[in-house]
């Protein structure tokens, strides 16, 4: 199930809520997404991301140094981002 916090149209205000750019309303971050959902590029959706031993850490295989990264890190500006095939 997709959540608002995984949507490109979601702007966080704090940990629990944010604003929908489309509806111009306050919404809960972990609420169920709506018909305007547009998947936000995040490390966990990238073909170069490998899940680590810990649930909230992974490794970016695209970088030579193989840096540790968070799965929910927004990858909008990452030059190496490539969508993982479903």
N, C-alpha and C. Protein backbone atom coordinates (compact mmCIF):
# COMPACT_ATOMS: atom_id res chain seq x y z
N UNK A 1 0.83 -1.18 0.00
CA UNK A 1 0.00 0.00 0.00
C UNK A 1 0.88 1.25 0.00
N UNK A 2 0.61 2.14 -0.91
CA UNK A 2 1.36 3.39 -1.00
C UNK A 2 0.83 4.39 0.03
N UNK A 3 1.76 5.19 0.55
CA UNK A 3 1.42 6.20 1.54
C UNK A 3 1.74 7.58 0.99
N UNK A 4 1.15 8.59 1.60
CA UNK A 4 1.39 9.96 1.17
C UNK A 4 2.88 10.31 1.17
N UNK A 5 3.62 9.85 2.17
CA UNK A 5 5.03 10.22 2.27
C UNK A 5 5.88 9.64 1.13
N UNK A 6 5.33 8.73 0.35
CA UNK A 6 6.03 8.18 -0.81
C UNK A 6 5.62 8.87 -2.11
N UNK A 7 4.85 9.95 -2.00
CA UNK A 7 4.33 10.65 -3.17
C UNK A 7 5.14 11.91 -3.47
N UNK A 8 5.36 12.17 -4.73
CA UNK A 8 6.08 13.35 -5.17
C UNK A 8 5.31 14.64 -4.84
N UNK A 9 4.00 14.54 -4.66
CA UNK A 9 3.16 15.69 -4.37
C UNK A 9 3.05 16.01 -2.88
N UNK A 10 3.74 15.26 -2.03
CA UNK A 10 3.69 15.43 -0.59
C UNK A 10 4.83 16.33 -0.12
N UNK A 11 4.49 17.37 0.64
CA UNK A 11 5.49 18.26 1.23
C UNK A 11 5.40 18.12 2.74
N UNK A 12 6.42 17.54 3.39
CA UNK A 12 6.34 17.34 4.84
C UNK A 12 6.35 18.67 5.61
N UNK A 13 5.53 18.70 6.67
CA UNK A 13 5.50 19.84 7.58
C UNK A 13 6.20 19.44 8.87
N UNK A 14 5.94 18.23 9.33
CA UNK A 14 6.62 17.65 10.49
C UNK A 14 6.62 16.14 10.30
N UNK A 15 6.93 15.41 11.34
CA UNK A 15 7.04 13.95 11.23
C UNK A 15 5.71 13.28 10.89
N UNK A 16 4.60 13.84 11.36
CA UNK A 16 3.31 13.18 11.23
C UNK A 16 2.45 13.67 10.06
N UNK A 17 2.69 14.87 9.57
CA UNK A 17 1.79 15.41 8.55
C UNK A 17 2.52 16.24 7.51
N UNK A 18 1.79 16.58 6.47
CA UNK A 18 2.35 17.40 5.41
C UNK A 18 1.23 18.03 4.60
N UNK A 19 1.60 18.63 3.48
CA UNK A 19 0.64 19.28 2.60
C UNK A 19 0.68 18.61 1.25
N UNK A 20 -0.50 18.34 0.70
CA UNK A 20 -0.61 17.79 -0.65
C UNK A 20 -0.54 18.97 -1.62
N UNK A 21 0.41 18.95 -2.55
CA UNK A 21 0.57 20.03 -3.53
C UNK A 21 -0.64 20.12 -4.47
N UNK A 22 -1.32 19.01 -4.70
CA UNK A 22 -2.47 19.00 -5.60
C UNK A 22 -3.73 19.51 -4.90
N UNK A 23 -4.05 18.93 -3.76
CA UNK A 23 -5.27 19.27 -3.04
C UNK A 23 -5.14 20.52 -2.16
N UNK A 24 -3.91 20.91 -1.86
CA UNK A 24 -3.65 22.07 -0.98
C UNK A 24 -4.28 21.87 0.39
N UNK A 25 -4.15 20.64 0.92
CA UNK A 25 -4.71 20.28 2.22
C UNK A 25 -3.65 19.65 3.09
N UNK A 26 -3.84 19.74 4.41
CA UNK A 26 -2.98 19.04 5.37
C UNK A 26 -3.39 17.57 5.35
N UNK A 27 -2.40 16.68 5.24
CA UNK A 27 -2.67 15.24 5.21
C UNK A 27 -1.69 14.51 6.12
N UNK A 28 -2.06 13.33 6.56
CA UNK A 28 -1.17 12.51 7.39
C UNK A 28 -0.11 11.85 6.52
N UNK A 29 1.13 11.87 6.97
CA UNK A 29 2.24 11.31 6.20
C UNK A 29 2.05 9.83 5.92
N UNK A 30 1.56 9.08 6.90
CA UNK A 30 1.41 7.64 6.69
C UNK A 30 0.01 7.25 6.25
N UNK A 31 -0.79 8.22 5.81
CA UNK A 31 -2.13 7.94 5.31
C UNK A 31 -2.08 7.29 3.93
N UNK A 32 -3.14 6.59 3.59
CA UNK A 32 -3.24 5.91 2.29
C UNK A 32 -3.22 6.93 1.15
N UNK A 33 -2.47 6.64 0.11
CA UNK A 33 -2.35 7.57 -1.01
C UNK A 33 -3.66 7.70 -1.77
N UNK A 34 -3.75 8.77 -2.55
CA UNK A 34 -4.98 9.05 -3.29
C UNK A 34 -4.75 8.84 -4.79
N UNK A 35 -5.74 9.25 -5.59
CA UNK A 35 -5.67 9.06 -7.04
C UNK A 35 -4.61 9.93 -7.71
N UNK A 36 -4.07 10.92 -6.98
CA UNK A 36 -3.03 11.79 -7.53
C UNK A 36 -1.62 11.29 -7.21
N UNK A 37 -1.51 10.08 -6.65
CA UNK A 37 -0.22 9.53 -6.23
C UNK A 37 0.76 9.46 -7.40
N UNK A 38 1.96 10.00 -7.18
CA UNK A 38 3.05 9.92 -8.14
C UNK A 38 4.28 9.45 -7.36
N UNK A 39 4.75 8.27 -7.65
CA UNK A 39 5.82 7.64 -6.90
C UNK A 39 7.07 8.52 -6.86
N UNK A 40 7.54 8.79 -5.65
CA UNK A 40 8.73 9.60 -5.43
C UNK A 40 9.97 8.73 -5.54
N UNK A 41 10.96 9.13 -6.34
CA UNK A 41 12.20 8.36 -6.41
C UNK A 41 12.89 8.33 -5.04
N UNK A 42 13.10 7.16 -4.51
CA UNK A 42 13.80 6.97 -3.23
C UNK A 42 14.79 5.84 -3.42
N UNK A 43 15.80 5.79 -2.57
CA UNK A 43 16.83 4.76 -2.69
C UNK A 43 16.23 3.36 -2.74
N UNK A 44 15.19 3.10 -1.95
CA UNK A 44 14.60 1.75 -1.91
C UNK A 44 13.97 1.35 -3.24
N UNK A 45 13.70 2.31 -4.13
CA UNK A 45 13.12 2.02 -5.44
C UNK A 45 14.19 1.95 -6.54
N UNK A 46 15.45 2.12 -6.15
CA UNK A 46 16.53 2.20 -7.14
C UNK A 46 17.15 0.83 -7.42
N UNK A 47 17.53 0.63 -8.67
CA UNK A 47 18.16 -0.62 -9.09
C UNK A 47 19.53 -0.81 -8.45
N UNK A 48 20.16 0.26 -7.99
CA UNK A 48 21.50 0.20 -7.39
C UNK A 48 21.48 0.01 -5.88
N UNK A 49 20.30 -0.01 -5.29
CA UNK A 49 20.17 -0.13 -3.83
C UNK A 49 20.16 -1.59 -3.42
N UNK A 50 20.97 -1.91 -2.41
CA UNK A 50 20.99 -3.24 -1.82
C UNK A 50 20.66 -3.10 -0.35
N UNK A 51 19.66 -3.84 0.07
CA UNK A 51 19.24 -3.80 1.47
C UNK A 51 20.34 -4.32 2.38
N UNK A 52 20.54 -3.67 3.49
CA UNK A 52 21.58 -4.07 4.44
C UNK A 52 21.06 -5.05 5.46
N UNK A 53 21.91 -5.37 6.43
CA UNK A 53 21.53 -6.30 7.49
C UNK A 53 20.48 -5.69 8.41
N UNK A 54 20.56 -4.37 8.60
CA UNK A 54 19.59 -3.67 9.44
C UNK A 54 18.46 -3.18 8.55
N UNK A 55 17.26 -3.15 9.11
CA UNK A 55 16.06 -2.81 8.33
C UNK A 55 16.12 -1.41 7.72
N UNK A 56 16.71 -0.46 8.40
CA UNK A 56 16.68 0.92 7.94
C UNK A 56 18.00 1.40 7.35
N UNK A 57 18.83 0.49 6.89
CA UNK A 57 20.09 0.84 6.24
C UNK A 57 20.32 -0.05 5.04
N UNK A 58 21.00 0.51 4.05
CA UNK A 58 21.34 -0.25 2.86
C UNK A 58 22.60 0.33 2.25
N UNK A 59 22.95 -0.15 1.06
CA UNK A 59 24.16 0.29 0.39
C UNK A 59 23.82 0.69 -1.04
N UNK A 60 24.43 1.79 -1.49
CA UNK A 60 24.29 2.22 -2.87
C UNK A 60 25.42 1.58 -3.67
N UNK A 61 25.08 0.67 -4.55
CA UNK A 61 26.08 -0.04 -5.35
C UNK A 61 26.58 0.79 -6.55
N UNK A 62 25.92 1.92 -6.83
CA UNK A 62 26.32 2.76 -7.97
C UNK A 62 27.58 3.56 -7.66
N UNK A 63 27.82 3.83 -6.41
CA UNK A 63 28.97 4.64 -6.02
C UNK A 63 30.17 3.74 -5.71
N UNK A 64 31.36 4.20 -6.10
CA UNK A 64 32.58 3.40 -5.89
C UNK A 64 32.85 3.15 -4.41
N UNK A 65 32.56 4.14 -3.58
CA UNK A 65 32.82 4.00 -2.14
C UNK A 65 31.75 3.15 -1.45
N UNK A 66 30.69 2.80 -2.19
CA UNK A 66 29.58 2.01 -1.66
C UNK A 66 29.07 2.60 -0.35
N UNK A 67 28.60 3.84 -0.38
CA UNK A 67 28.15 4.47 0.86
C UNK A 67 26.88 3.85 1.42
N UNK A 68 26.80 3.88 2.73
CA UNK A 68 25.60 3.43 3.41
C UNK A 68 24.52 4.49 3.17
N UNK A 69 23.31 4.04 2.94
CA UNK A 69 22.21 4.97 2.69
C UNK A 69 20.93 4.46 3.34
N UNK A 70 19.97 5.35 3.45
CA UNK A 70 18.67 5.01 4.01
C UNK A 70 17.71 4.68 2.88
N UNK A 71 16.88 3.66 3.04
CA UNK A 71 15.95 3.28 1.98
C UNK A 71 14.95 4.39 1.63
N UNK A 72 14.56 5.21 2.61
CA UNK A 72 13.58 6.26 2.36
C UNK A 72 14.20 7.60 1.96
N UNK A 73 15.49 7.61 1.68
CA UNK A 73 16.15 8.84 1.24
C UNK A 73 15.64 9.22 -0.15
N UNK A 74 15.16 10.45 -0.30
CA UNK A 74 14.67 10.92 -1.61
C UNK A 74 15.85 11.00 -2.58
N UNK A 75 15.64 10.47 -3.77
CA UNK A 75 16.71 10.38 -4.78
C UNK A 75 16.42 11.25 -6.00
N UNK A 76 15.65 12.29 -5.81
CA UNK A 76 15.24 13.15 -6.91
C UNK A 76 16.44 13.75 -7.65
N UNK A 77 17.49 14.11 -6.93
CA UNK A 77 18.65 14.74 -7.55
C UNK A 77 19.83 13.78 -7.79
N UNK A 78 19.66 12.51 -7.49
CA UNK A 78 20.74 11.54 -7.67
C UNK A 78 20.94 11.22 -9.15
N UNK A 79 22.15 11.44 -9.64
CA UNK A 79 22.46 11.17 -11.05
C UNK A 79 22.50 9.69 -11.38
N UNK A 80 22.68 8.84 -10.37
CA UNK A 80 22.77 7.40 -10.59
C UNK A 80 21.44 6.68 -10.44
N UNK A 81 20.39 7.39 -10.05
CA UNK A 81 19.11 6.72 -9.80
C UNK A 81 18.55 6.07 -11.06
N UNK A 82 18.10 4.83 -10.89
CA UNK A 82 17.44 4.09 -11.97
C UNK A 82 16.34 3.25 -11.32
N UNK A 83 15.12 3.34 -11.83
CA UNK A 83 14.01 2.59 -11.24
C UNK A 83 14.29 1.10 -11.25
N UNK A 84 14.03 0.47 -10.12
CA UNK A 84 14.14 -0.98 -9.98
C UNK A 84 12.96 -1.60 -10.75
N UNK A 85 13.23 -2.64 -11.50
CA UNK A 85 12.14 -3.30 -12.23
C UNK A 85 11.31 -4.11 -11.24
N UNK A 86 10.02 -4.07 -11.44
CA UNK A 86 9.10 -4.74 -10.52
C UNK A 86 9.15 -6.23 -10.61
